[in-house]
Amino acid sequence: MNKILLIGGGGHCKSCIDVIEQQGLYEIAGIIDQPRAVGSRVLGYEVIGSDEDLPSLRNTFDYAFVTVGQIRSADLKIKLYQSLKSLNFIVPTIISPLAYVSQHAQISSGTIVMHQALVNAGAKVGENCIINTKALIEHDAVIEDHCHVSTGAIINGGGEIFSESFVGSLATSKQCVQIGKKSFIKAGSVMK
């Protein structure tokens, strides 16, 4: 089993740990977080370093994954993802075994599809995205890079969410709606 570093030790990291454990494809080698957190633990996994340690850790580990959440801005997630790519880490796609992803959908590197999410036929999800618990990405929808589709949100058929956007919990889009770059959609909103 390949060892993987998790970058970010907050609440979203805990959800990612659960998905990675359920998936059973990677052994979590440790967590990278703020220097003050080194030596602490997140769900039993040690924080073994900070961002500054990534170049030296690259000599030991091939796989890494960004486990920082995203609400107001994707800037930190983008910075961390680009840092991993520049160090030639392999940044995999993580898909919960409790999710459904159509064989006719595309999910790019660095994206996580959480428990009970559904990504339907013809959908495309870009790099470094979060498709959170119970989210629905319907047929032919496009989620561009660095987006977070929150818990229970619904992106209906043909919808397009442009890069760096946040879609709040239980928000719903009508069919073929386009949501502009860096949008912030409040929880429970209807996108027309």
N, C-alpha and C. Protein backbone atom coordinates (compact mmCIF):
# COMPACT_ATOMS: atom_id res chain seq x y z
N MET A 1 0.85 -1.18 0.00
CA MET A 1 0.00 0.00 0.00
C MET A 1 0.90 1.24 0.00
N ASN A 2 0.63 2.19 -0.90
CA ASN A 2 1.42 3.41 -0.98
C ASN A 2 1.14 4.33 0.21
N LYS A 3 2.22 4.94 0.72
CA LYS A 3 2.09 5.88 1.83
C LYS A 3 1.77 7.26 1.27
N ILE A 4 0.91 8.00 2.00
CA ILE A 4 0.48 9.32 1.54
C ILE A 4 0.55 10.32 2.68
N LEU A 5 1.00 11.54 2.35
CA LEU A 5 1.00 12.65 3.29
C LEU A 5 -0.28 13.45 3.10
N LEU A 6 -0.86 13.91 4.20
CA LEU A 6 -2.05 14.76 4.16
C LEU A 6 -1.64 16.18 4.53
N ILE A 7 -2.02 17.13 3.70
CA ILE A 7 -1.57 18.51 3.87
C ILE A 7 -2.71 19.35 4.45
N GLY A 8 -2.65 19.58 5.76
CA GLY A 8 -3.69 20.33 6.47
C GLY A 8 -4.34 19.44 7.50
N GLY A 9 -4.37 19.88 8.76
CA GLY A 9 -4.84 19.01 9.84
C GLY A 9 -6.12 19.48 10.52
N GLY A 10 -6.95 20.25 9.84
CA GLY A 10 -8.19 20.75 10.43
C GLY A 10 -9.35 19.78 10.31
N GLY A 11 -10.56 20.33 10.41
CA GLY A 11 -11.77 19.50 10.37
C GLY A 11 -11.95 18.73 9.08
N HIS A 12 -11.66 19.38 7.94
CA HIS A 12 -11.80 18.68 6.67
C HIS A 12 -10.85 17.49 6.59
N CYS A 13 -9.68 17.63 7.20
CA CYS A 13 -8.72 16.52 7.22
C CYS A 13 -9.34 15.28 7.86
N LYS A 14 -10.10 15.48 8.93
CA LYS A 14 -10.73 14.33 9.60
C LYS A 14 -11.66 13.58 8.66
N SER A 15 -12.45 14.34 7.88
CA SER A 15 -13.35 13.69 6.92
C SER A 15 -12.57 12.97 5.83
N CYS A 16 -11.47 13.59 5.40
CA CYS A 16 -10.62 12.95 4.37
C CYS A 16 -10.00 11.66 4.91
N ILE A 17 -9.54 11.69 6.16
CA ILE A 17 -8.96 10.50 6.76
C ILE A 17 -9.96 9.35 6.71
N ASP A 18 -11.21 9.63 7.06
CA ASP A 18 -12.21 8.57 7.07
C ASP A 18 -12.41 7.99 5.67
N VAL A 19 -12.45 8.86 4.66
CA VAL A 19 -12.61 8.38 3.28
C VAL A 19 -11.40 7.54 2.87
N ILE A 20 -10.19 8.03 3.17
CA ILE A 20 -8.97 7.31 2.79
C ILE A 20 -8.91 5.95 3.48
N GLU A 21 -9.27 5.91 4.76
CA GLU A 21 -9.30 4.62 5.47
C GLU A 21 -10.30 3.67 4.84
N GLN A 22 -11.48 4.17 4.51
CA GLN A 22 -12.51 3.32 3.89
C GLN A 22 -12.08 2.85 2.50
N GLN A 23 -11.40 3.74 1.75
CA GLN A 23 -10.97 3.39 0.40
C GLN A 23 -9.93 2.27 0.43
N GLY A 24 -9.03 2.31 1.39
CA GLY A 24 -8.06 1.25 1.58
C GLY A 24 -6.94 1.17 0.53
N LEU A 25 -6.69 2.26 -0.17
CA LEU A 25 -5.64 2.25 -1.20
C LEU A 25 -4.34 2.87 -0.73
N TYR A 26 -4.39 3.68 0.34
CA TYR A 26 -3.21 4.40 0.82
C TYR A 26 -3.07 4.23 2.32
N GLU A 27 -1.83 4.21 2.76
CA GLU A 27 -1.51 4.23 4.18
C GLU A 27 -1.13 5.67 4.53
N ILE A 28 -1.81 6.25 5.49
CA ILE A 28 -1.53 7.64 5.87
C ILE A 28 -0.23 7.67 6.66
N ALA A 29 0.79 8.35 6.09
CA ALA A 29 2.12 8.39 6.69
C ALA A 29 2.23 9.48 7.74
N GLY A 30 1.40 10.50 7.62
CA GLY A 30 1.45 11.61 8.56
C GLY A 30 0.77 12.83 7.97
N ILE A 31 0.68 13.85 8.80
CA ILE A 31 -0.02 15.08 8.42
C ILE A 31 0.97 16.23 8.45
N ILE A 32 0.82 17.13 7.50
CA ILE A 32 1.61 18.36 7.43
C ILE A 32 0.67 19.50 7.83
N ASP A 33 1.13 20.33 8.78
CA ASP A 33 0.27 21.41 9.27
C ASP A 33 1.16 22.57 9.73
N GLN A 34 0.61 23.46 10.52
CA GLN A 34 1.37 24.60 11.04
C GLN A 34 2.49 24.09 11.95
N PRO A 35 3.63 24.82 12.02
CA PRO A 35 4.74 24.37 12.88
C PRO A 35 4.33 24.12 14.33
N ARG A 36 3.41 24.94 14.86
CA ARG A 36 2.98 24.76 16.26
C ARG A 36 2.23 23.45 16.49
N ALA A 37 1.73 22.82 15.40
CA ALA A 37 0.97 21.58 15.54
C ALA A 37 1.84 20.33 15.46
N VAL A 38 3.11 20.48 15.09
CA VAL A 38 3.99 19.33 14.94
C VAL A 38 4.06 18.55 16.26
N GLY A 39 3.88 17.24 16.16
CA GLY A 39 3.87 16.36 17.33
C GLY A 39 2.47 16.06 17.84
N SER A 40 1.49 16.87 17.46
CA SER A 40 0.10 16.57 17.85
C SER A 40 -0.46 15.48 16.93
N ARG A 41 -1.68 15.07 17.20
CA ARG A 41 -2.29 14.00 16.41
C ARG A 41 -3.69 14.41 15.95
N VAL A 42 -4.06 13.88 14.78
CA VAL A 42 -5.40 14.05 14.23
C VAL A 42 -5.94 12.65 13.97
N LEU A 43 -6.95 12.26 14.72
CA LEU A 43 -7.54 10.91 14.63
C LEU A 43 -6.45 9.83 14.69
N GLY A 44 -5.46 10.08 15.53
CA GLY A 44 -4.41 9.09 15.74
C GLY A 44 -3.21 9.22 14.82
N TYR A 45 -3.27 10.09 13.81
CA TYR A 45 -2.15 10.28 12.88
C TYR A 45 -1.35 11.50 13.31
N GLU A 46 -0.03 11.33 13.35
CA GLU A 46 0.85 12.39 13.85
C GLU A 46 1.07 13.48 12.81
N VAL A 47 1.10 14.73 13.30
CA VAL A 47 1.56 15.85 12.49
C VAL A 47 3.08 15.78 12.49
N ILE A 48 3.66 15.45 11.32
CA ILE A 48 5.09 15.15 11.25
C ILE A 48 5.92 16.31 10.69
N GLY A 49 5.26 17.38 10.28
CA GLY A 49 6.01 18.50 9.74
C GLY A 49 5.11 19.62 9.29
N SER A 50 5.75 20.67 8.75
CA SER A 50 5.03 21.82 8.23
C SER A 50 5.36 21.96 6.74
N ASP A 51 4.77 22.96 6.11
CA ASP A 51 4.98 23.16 4.67
C ASP A 51 6.45 23.24 4.30
N GLU A 52 7.25 23.84 5.17
CA GLU A 52 8.68 24.00 4.90
C GLU A 52 9.40 22.65 4.80
N ASP A 53 8.82 21.60 5.37
CA ASP A 53 9.45 20.27 5.36
C ASP A 53 9.12 19.46 4.10
N LEU A 54 8.20 19.96 3.29
CA LEU A 54 7.77 19.18 2.12
C LEU A 54 8.91 18.82 1.16
N PRO A 55 9.83 19.74 0.83
CA PRO A 55 10.91 19.34 -0.08
C PRO A 55 11.74 18.16 0.43
N SER A 56 12.05 18.14 1.73
CA SER A 56 12.83 17.01 2.24
C SER A 56 11.97 15.75 2.36
N LEU A 57 10.70 15.91 2.71
CA LEU A 57 9.80 14.75 2.79
C LEU A 57 9.58 14.11 1.42
N ARG A 58 9.72 14.90 0.38
CA ARG A 58 9.55 14.37 -0.98
C ARG A 58 10.57 13.27 -1.28
N ASN A 59 11.72 13.30 -0.59
CA ASN A 59 12.73 12.25 -0.78
C ASN A 59 12.26 10.91 -0.25
N THR A 60 11.29 10.92 0.64
CA THR A 60 10.79 9.69 1.26
C THR A 60 9.43 9.28 0.73
N PHE A 61 8.58 10.27 0.42
CA PHE A 61 7.19 9.98 0.06
C PHE A 61 6.87 10.45 -1.35
N ASP A 62 6.12 9.63 -2.08
CA ASP A 62 5.72 9.96 -3.45
C ASP A 62 4.33 10.59 -3.52
N TYR A 63 3.46 10.25 -2.58
CA TYR A 63 2.05 10.66 -2.65
C TYR A 63 1.74 11.70 -1.58
N ALA A 64 0.93 12.68 -1.96
CA ALA A 64 0.45 13.69 -1.02
C ALA A 64 -0.91 14.17 -1.49
N PHE A 65 -1.70 14.70 -0.53
CA PHE A 65 -3.06 15.14 -0.85
C PHE A 65 -3.41 16.32 0.03
N VAL A 66 -4.02 17.35 -0.57
CA VAL A 66 -4.42 18.55 0.17
C VAL A 66 -5.72 18.25 0.94
N THR A 67 -5.65 18.41 2.26
CA THR A 67 -6.81 18.13 3.11
C THR A 67 -7.24 19.40 3.86
N VAL A 68 -7.02 20.54 3.22
CA VAL A 68 -7.49 21.83 3.74
C VAL A 68 -8.87 22.08 3.16
N GLY A 69 -9.79 22.52 3.99
CA GLY A 69 -11.12 22.85 3.50
C GLY A 69 -11.13 24.17 2.74
N GLN A 70 -12.29 24.52 2.23
CA GLN A 70 -12.42 25.74 1.43
C GLN A 70 -13.81 26.33 1.65
N ILE A 71 -13.85 27.59 2.07
CA ILE A 71 -15.14 28.27 2.19
C ILE A 71 -15.09 29.58 1.43
N ARG A 72 -14.51 30.59 2.00
CA ARG A 72 -14.51 31.92 1.36
C ARG A 72 -13.56 32.02 0.18
N SER A 73 -12.44 31.32 0.24
CA SER A 73 -11.42 31.46 -0.79
C SER A 73 -10.73 30.12 -1.04
N ALA A 74 -10.37 29.90 -2.29
CA ALA A 74 -9.61 28.70 -2.65
C ALA A 74 -8.11 28.95 -2.64
N ASP A 75 -7.69 30.15 -2.26
CA ASP A 75 -6.28 30.53 -2.40
C ASP A 75 -5.33 29.56 -1.71
N LEU A 76 -5.60 29.19 -0.46
CA LEU A 76 -4.70 28.29 0.26
C LEU A 76 -4.66 26.92 -0.38
N LYS A 77 -5.82 26.38 -0.74
CA LYS A 77 -5.86 25.07 -1.40
C LYS A 77 -5.05 25.10 -2.71
N ILE A 78 -5.18 26.18 -3.47
CA ILE A 78 -4.45 26.30 -4.73
C ILE A 78 -2.95 26.36 -4.47
N LYS A 79 -2.54 27.17 -3.50
CA LYS A 79 -1.12 27.31 -3.17
C LYS A 79 -0.52 25.96 -2.78
N LEU A 80 -1.22 25.24 -1.91
CA LEU A 80 -0.72 23.94 -1.46
C LEU A 80 -0.67 22.92 -2.60
N TYR A 81 -1.72 22.90 -3.40
CA TYR A 81 -1.77 21.96 -4.53
C TYR A 81 -0.64 22.25 -5.52
N GLN A 82 -0.43 23.52 -5.84
CA GLN A 82 0.64 23.87 -6.77
C GLN A 82 2.01 23.56 -6.19
N SER A 83 2.15 23.71 -4.89
CA SER A 83 3.41 23.36 -4.23
C SER A 83 3.69 21.86 -4.36
N LEU A 84 2.66 21.04 -4.13
CA LEU A 84 2.84 19.59 -4.28
C LEU A 84 3.22 19.22 -5.71
N LYS A 85 2.54 19.84 -6.67
CA LYS A 85 2.83 19.55 -8.09
C LYS A 85 4.25 19.98 -8.46
N SER A 86 4.69 21.14 -7.94
CA SER A 86 6.03 21.62 -8.27
C SER A 86 7.12 20.72 -7.68
N LEU A 87 6.79 20.03 -6.58
CA LEU A 87 7.74 19.08 -5.97
C LEU A 87 7.60 17.68 -6.57
N ASN A 88 6.76 17.55 -7.58
CA ASN A 88 6.53 16.27 -8.27
C ASN A 88 5.95 15.18 -7.38
N PHE A 89 5.15 15.59 -6.38
CA PHE A 89 4.36 14.60 -5.66
C PHE A 89 3.29 14.07 -6.60
N ILE A 90 2.90 12.84 -6.42
CA ILE A 90 1.72 12.30 -7.08
C ILE A 90 0.53 12.69 -6.22
N VAL A 91 -0.41 13.43 -6.81
CA VAL A 91 -1.60 13.88 -6.08
C VAL A 91 -2.79 13.10 -6.66
N PRO A 92 -3.22 12.06 -5.98
CA PRO A 92 -4.24 11.17 -6.54
C PRO A 92 -5.65 11.75 -6.47
N THR A 93 -6.56 11.05 -7.09
CA THR A 93 -7.99 11.27 -6.92
C THR A 93 -8.44 10.31 -5.81
N ILE A 94 -9.19 10.82 -4.87
CA ILE A 94 -9.69 10.01 -3.75
C ILE A 94 -11.21 9.91 -3.89
N ILE A 95 -11.72 8.69 -3.98
CA ILE A 95 -13.16 8.48 -4.11
C ILE A 95 -13.62 7.49 -3.05
N SER A 96 -14.54 7.94 -2.23
CA SER A 96 -15.08 7.06 -1.19
C SER A 96 -15.73 5.83 -1.83
N PRO A 97 -15.53 4.65 -1.25
CA PRO A 97 -16.24 3.47 -1.73
C PRO A 97 -17.73 3.55 -1.46
N LEU A 98 -18.15 4.52 -0.65
CA LEU A 98 -19.57 4.73 -0.36
C LEU A 98 -20.20 5.78 -1.28
N ALA A 99 -19.41 6.32 -2.21
CA ALA A 99 -19.91 7.26 -3.21
C ALA A 99 -20.22 6.49 -4.50
N TYR A 100 -20.95 7.14 -5.41
CA TYR A 100 -21.15 6.57 -6.73
C TYR A 100 -20.60 7.55 -7.76
N VAL A 101 -19.63 7.09 -8.54
CA VAL A 101 -19.09 7.86 -9.65
C VAL A 101 -19.28 7.03 -10.91
N SER A 102 -20.04 7.55 -11.85
CA SER A 102 -20.29 6.85 -13.10
C SER A 102 -18.98 6.56 -13.82
N GLN A 103 -18.93 5.43 -14.49
CA GLN A 103 -17.76 5.12 -15.31
C GLN A 103 -17.66 6.08 -16.50
N HIS A 104 -18.70 6.84 -16.75
CA HIS A 104 -18.72 7.80 -17.85
C HIS A 104 -18.47 9.23 -17.37
N ALA A 105 -18.08 9.38 -16.09
CA ALA A 105 -17.73 10.69 -15.53
C ALA A 105 -16.21 10.81 -15.49
N GLN A 106 -15.71 12.04 -15.36
CA GLN A 106 -14.28 12.29 -15.26
C GLN A 106 -14.00 13.05 -13.96
N ILE A 107 -13.06 12.53 -13.17
CA ILE A 107 -12.65 13.17 -11.93
C ILE A 107 -11.14 13.38 -12.02
N SER A 108 -10.67 14.62 -11.85
CA SER A 108 -9.26 14.94 -12.03
C SER A 108 -8.46 14.79 -10.73
N SER A 109 -7.15 14.90 -10.85
CA SER A 109 -6.24 14.70 -9.73
C SER A 109 -6.47 15.71 -8.62
N GLY A 110 -6.22 15.27 -7.40
CA GLY A 110 -6.34 16.14 -6.26
C GLY A 110 -7.75 16.35 -5.76
N THR A 111 -8.72 15.72 -6.41
CA THR A 111 -10.13 15.87 -6.02
C THR A 111 -10.55 14.72 -5.12
N ILE A 112 -11.38 15.04 -4.14
CA ILE A 112 -11.95 14.03 -3.27
C ILE A 112 -13.47 14.01 -3.45
N VAL A 113 -14.01 12.80 -3.58
CA VAL A 113 -15.46 12.58 -3.64
C VAL A 113 -15.81 11.85 -2.34
N MET A 114 -16.56 12.54 -1.48
CA MET A 114 -16.82 12.06 -0.13
C MET A 114 -17.97 11.03 -0.10
N HIS A 115 -18.21 10.51 1.09
CA HIS A 115 -19.23 9.48 1.30
C HIS A 115 -20.60 9.91 0.76
N GLN A 116 -21.24 9.00 0.07
CA GLN A 116 -22.61 9.11 -0.44
C GLN A 116 -22.81 10.25 -1.44
N ALA A 117 -21.71 10.78 -1.98
CA ALA A 117 -21.84 11.72 -3.10
C ALA A 117 -22.14 10.93 -4.36
N LEU A 118 -22.73 11.59 -5.36
CA LEU A 118 -23.07 10.94 -6.62
C LEU A 118 -22.61 11.84 -7.76
N VAL A 119 -21.79 11.27 -8.65
CA VAL A 119 -21.32 11.99 -9.84
C VAL A 119 -21.80 11.18 -11.04
N ASN A 120 -22.73 11.75 -11.81
CA ASN A 120 -23.43 10.99 -12.83
C ASN A 120 -22.73 11.03 -14.19
N ALA A 121 -23.26 10.28 -15.13
CA ALA A 121 -22.67 10.09 -16.45
C ALA A 121 -22.46 11.42 -17.17
N GLY A 122 -21.30 11.56 -17.77
CA GLY A 122 -20.98 12.74 -18.55
C GLY A 122 -20.51 13.92 -17.74
N ALA A 123 -20.53 13.81 -16.41
CA ALA A 123 -20.06 14.92 -15.56
C ALA A 123 -18.54 14.98 -15.58
N LYS A 124 -18.02 16.19 -15.39
CA LYS A 124 -16.57 16.40 -15.34
C LYS A 124 -16.25 17.24 -14.11
N VAL A 125 -15.31 16.75 -13.30
CA VAL A 125 -14.88 17.47 -12.11
C VAL A 125 -13.38 17.73 -12.25
N GLY A 126 -12.98 18.99 -12.09
CA GLY A 126 -11.60 19.39 -12.28
C GLY A 126 -10.67 19.00 -11.15
N GLU A 127 -9.49 19.62 -11.15
CA GLU A 127 -8.44 19.33 -10.17
C GLU A 127 -8.72 20.01 -8.84
N ASN A 128 -8.27 19.34 -7.76
CA ASN A 128 -8.21 19.94 -6.43
C ASN A 128 -9.58 20.40 -5.94
N CYS A 129 -10.61 19.60 -6.21
CA CYS A 129 -11.98 19.93 -5.79
C CYS A 129 -12.40 19.08 -4.60
N ILE A 130 -13.41 19.56 -3.91
CA ILE A 130 -14.08 18.80 -2.86
C ILE A 130 -15.52 18.60 -3.32
N ILE A 131 -15.91 17.34 -3.49
CA ILE A 131 -17.31 16.98 -3.72
C ILE A 131 -17.75 16.34 -2.41
N ASN A 132 -18.42 17.12 -1.59
CA ASN A 132 -18.61 16.75 -0.20
C ASN A 132 -19.76 15.74 -0.02
N THR A 133 -19.91 15.28 1.20
CA THR A 133 -20.86 14.24 1.56
C THR A 133 -22.26 14.54 1.01
N LYS A 134 -22.82 13.56 0.32
CA LYS A 134 -24.18 13.59 -0.23
C LYS A 134 -24.40 14.65 -1.31
N ALA A 135 -23.34 15.22 -1.86
CA ALA A 135 -23.51 16.14 -2.99
C ALA A 135 -23.90 15.36 -4.23
N LEU A 136 -24.65 16.00 -5.13
CA LEU A 136 -25.06 15.39 -6.39
C LEU A 136 -24.56 16.24 -7.54
N ILE A 137 -23.76 15.64 -8.40
CA ILE A 137 -23.29 16.28 -9.63
C ILE A 137 -23.97 15.50 -10.76
N GLU A 138 -24.98 16.11 -11.37
CA GLU A 138 -25.81 15.39 -12.35
C GLU A 138 -25.11 15.29 -13.71
N HIS A 139 -25.78 14.58 -14.61
CA HIS A 139 -25.24 14.30 -15.94
C HIS A 139 -24.77 15.59 -16.63
N ASP A 140 -23.63 15.49 -17.27
CA ASP A 140 -23.07 16.56 -18.11
C ASP A 140 -22.74 17.85 -17.37
N ALA A 141 -22.79 17.85 -16.05
CA ALA A 141 -22.39 19.04 -15.29
C ALA A 141 -20.86 19.14 -15.31
N VAL A 142 -20.36 20.36 -15.20
CA VAL A 142 -18.92 20.61 -15.17
C VAL A 142 -18.59 21.40 -13.91
N ILE A 143 -17.67 20.86 -13.13
CA ILE A 143 -17.15 21.55 -11.96
C ILE A 143 -15.68 21.82 -12.28
N GLU A 144 -15.33 23.09 -12.45
CA GLU A 144 -13.96 23.43 -12.83
C GLU A 144 -13.02 23.28 -11.62
N ASP A 145 -11.73 23.54 -11.85
CA ASP A 145 -10.69 23.35 -10.84
C ASP A 145 -10.94 24.15 -9.56
N HIS A 146 -10.49 23.59 -8.43
CA HIS A 146 -10.43 24.27 -7.14
C HIS A 146 -11.80 24.72 -6.61
N CYS A 147 -12.82 23.91 -6.83
CA CYS A 147 -14.16 24.21 -6.32
C CYS A 147 -14.50 23.32 -5.13
N HIS A 148 -15.43 23.79 -4.31
CA HIS A 148 -15.97 23.01 -3.21
C HIS A 148 -17.49 22.98 -3.35
N VAL A 149 -18.02 21.79 -3.60
CA VAL A 149 -19.46 21.58 -3.63
C VAL A 149 -19.82 20.92 -2.30
N SER A 150 -20.50 21.67 -1.45
CA SER A 150 -20.70 21.27 -0.06
C SER A 150 -21.74 20.16 0.11
N THR A 151 -21.90 19.78 1.36
CA THR A 151 -22.77 18.68 1.74
C THR A 151 -24.20 18.89 1.23
N GLY A 152 -24.69 17.88 0.53
CA GLY A 152 -26.07 17.88 0.07
C GLY A 152 -26.39 18.84 -1.06
N ALA A 153 -25.40 19.53 -1.60
CA ALA A 153 -25.66 20.45 -2.72
C ALA A 153 -25.98 19.67 -3.98
N ILE A 154 -26.78 20.27 -4.86
CA ILE A 154 -27.20 19.62 -6.10
C ILE A 154 -26.84 20.52 -7.28
N ILE A 155 -26.02 19.99 -8.18
CA ILE A 155 -25.71 20.66 -9.44
C ILE A 155 -26.42 19.85 -10.52
N ASN A 156 -27.50 20.40 -11.05
CA ASN A 156 -28.31 19.66 -12.00
C ASN A 156 -27.67 19.58 -13.37
N GLY A 157 -28.27 18.76 -14.22
CA GLY A 157 -27.70 18.43 -15.53
C GLY A 157 -27.27 19.63 -16.34
N GLY A 158 -26.05 19.56 -16.89
CA GLY A 158 -25.53 20.60 -17.75
C GLY A 158 -25.07 21.85 -17.03
N GLY A 159 -25.16 21.87 -15.71
CA GLY A 159 -24.70 23.04 -14.96
C GLY A 159 -23.19 23.16 -15.04
N GLU A 160 -22.71 24.39 -14.86
CA GLU A 160 -21.26 24.61 -14.88
C GLU A 160 -20.89 25.54 -13.75
N ILE A 161 -19.97 25.07 -12.91
CA ILE A 161 -19.45 25.86 -11.80
C ILE A 161 -18.01 26.21 -12.18
N PHE A 162 -17.76 27.51 -12.38
CA PHE A 162 -16.44 27.95 -12.81
C PHE A 162 -15.45 27.86 -11.64
N SER A 163 -14.17 27.92 -11.96
CA SER A 163 -13.09 27.64 -11.02
C SER A 163 -13.14 28.50 -9.75
N GLU A 164 -12.63 27.89 -8.68
CA GLU A 164 -12.43 28.54 -7.39
C GLU A 164 -13.73 28.94 -6.70
N SER A 165 -14.82 28.27 -7.03
CA SER A 165 -16.12 28.61 -6.45
C SER A 165 -16.46 27.72 -5.26
N PHE A 166 -17.34 28.24 -4.42
CA PHE A 166 -17.85 27.52 -3.27
C PHE A 166 -19.37 27.46 -3.38
N VAL A 167 -19.92 26.24 -3.28
CA VAL A 167 -21.37 26.03 -3.32
C VAL A 167 -21.77 25.49 -1.95
N GLY A 168 -22.57 26.24 -1.22
CA GLY A 168 -22.93 25.90 0.15
C GLY A 168 -23.83 24.69 0.27
N SER A 169 -23.94 24.20 1.48
CA SER A 169 -24.74 23.01 1.78
C SER A 169 -26.19 23.20 1.32
N LEU A 170 -26.72 22.18 0.68
CA LEU A 170 -28.10 22.12 0.22
C LEU A 170 -28.46 23.16 -0.84
N ALA A 171 -27.47 23.86 -1.39
CA ALA A 171 -27.75 24.75 -2.52
C ALA A 171 -28.11 23.89 -3.73
N THR A 172 -28.96 24.43 -4.61
CA THR A 172 -29.43 23.69 -5.77
C THR A 172 -29.35 24.57 -7.01
N SER A 173 -28.82 24.00 -8.08
CA SER A 173 -28.81 24.74 -9.35
C SER A 173 -29.88 24.18 -10.27
N LYS A 174 -30.48 25.05 -11.06
CA LYS A 174 -31.36 24.57 -12.12
C LYS A 174 -30.48 24.02 -13.24
N GLN A 175 -31.11 23.31 -14.19
CA GLN A 175 -30.35 22.75 -15.31
C GLN A 175 -29.65 23.84 -16.11
N CYS A 176 -28.42 23.50 -16.54
CA CYS A 176 -27.63 24.32 -17.46
C CYS A 176 -27.28 25.71 -16.93
N VAL A 177 -27.34 25.91 -15.62
CA VAL A 177 -26.96 27.18 -15.02
C VAL A 177 -25.43 27.29 -15.01
N GLN A 178 -24.92 28.49 -15.26
CA GLN A 178 -23.49 28.75 -15.15
C GLN A 178 -23.25 29.66 -13.96
N ILE A 179 -22.29 29.27 -13.13
CA ILE A 179 -21.92 30.03 -11.94
C ILE A 179 -20.49 30.52 -12.15
N GLY A 180 -20.29 31.83 -12.11
CA GLY A 180 -19.02 32.45 -12.45
C GLY A 180 -17.86 32.10 -11.54
N LYS A 181 -16.67 32.38 -12.02
CA LYS A 181 -15.43 32.12 -11.30
C LYS A 181 -15.44 32.81 -9.93
N LYS A 182 -14.91 32.10 -8.94
CA LYS A 182 -14.77 32.59 -7.56
C LYS A 182 -16.11 32.96 -6.92
N SER A 183 -17.17 32.31 -7.35
CA SER A 183 -18.49 32.59 -6.76
C SER A 183 -18.59 31.99 -5.36
N PHE A 184 -19.41 32.60 -4.55
CA PHE A 184 -19.73 32.09 -3.22
C PHE A 184 -21.25 31.95 -3.15
N ILE A 185 -21.72 30.72 -3.14
CA ILE A 185 -23.15 30.44 -3.13
C ILE A 185 -23.54 30.01 -1.72
N LYS A 186 -24.44 30.75 -1.10
CA LYS A 186 -24.83 30.48 0.28
C LYS A 186 -25.58 29.16 0.41
N ALA A 187 -25.49 28.58 1.58
CA ALA A 187 -26.22 27.36 1.88
C ALA A 187 -27.70 27.55 1.62
N GLY A 188 -28.32 26.54 0.99
CA GLY A 188 -29.75 26.56 0.75
C GLY A 188 -30.20 27.42 -0.42
N SER A 189 -29.27 28.05 -1.13
CA SER A 189 -29.64 28.92 -2.26
C SER A 189 -30.15 28.10 -3.44
N VAL A 190 -30.95 28.75 -4.27
CA VAL A 190 -31.36 28.19 -5.57
C VAL A 190 -30.67 29.01 -6.65
N MET A 191 -29.87 28.34 -7.47
CA MET A 191 -29.11 29.02 -8.53
C MET A 191 -29.91 28.92 -9.82
N LYS A 192 -30.39 30.05 -10.32
CA LYS A 192 -31.27 30.08 -11.50
C LYS A 192 -30.53 30.58 -12.72
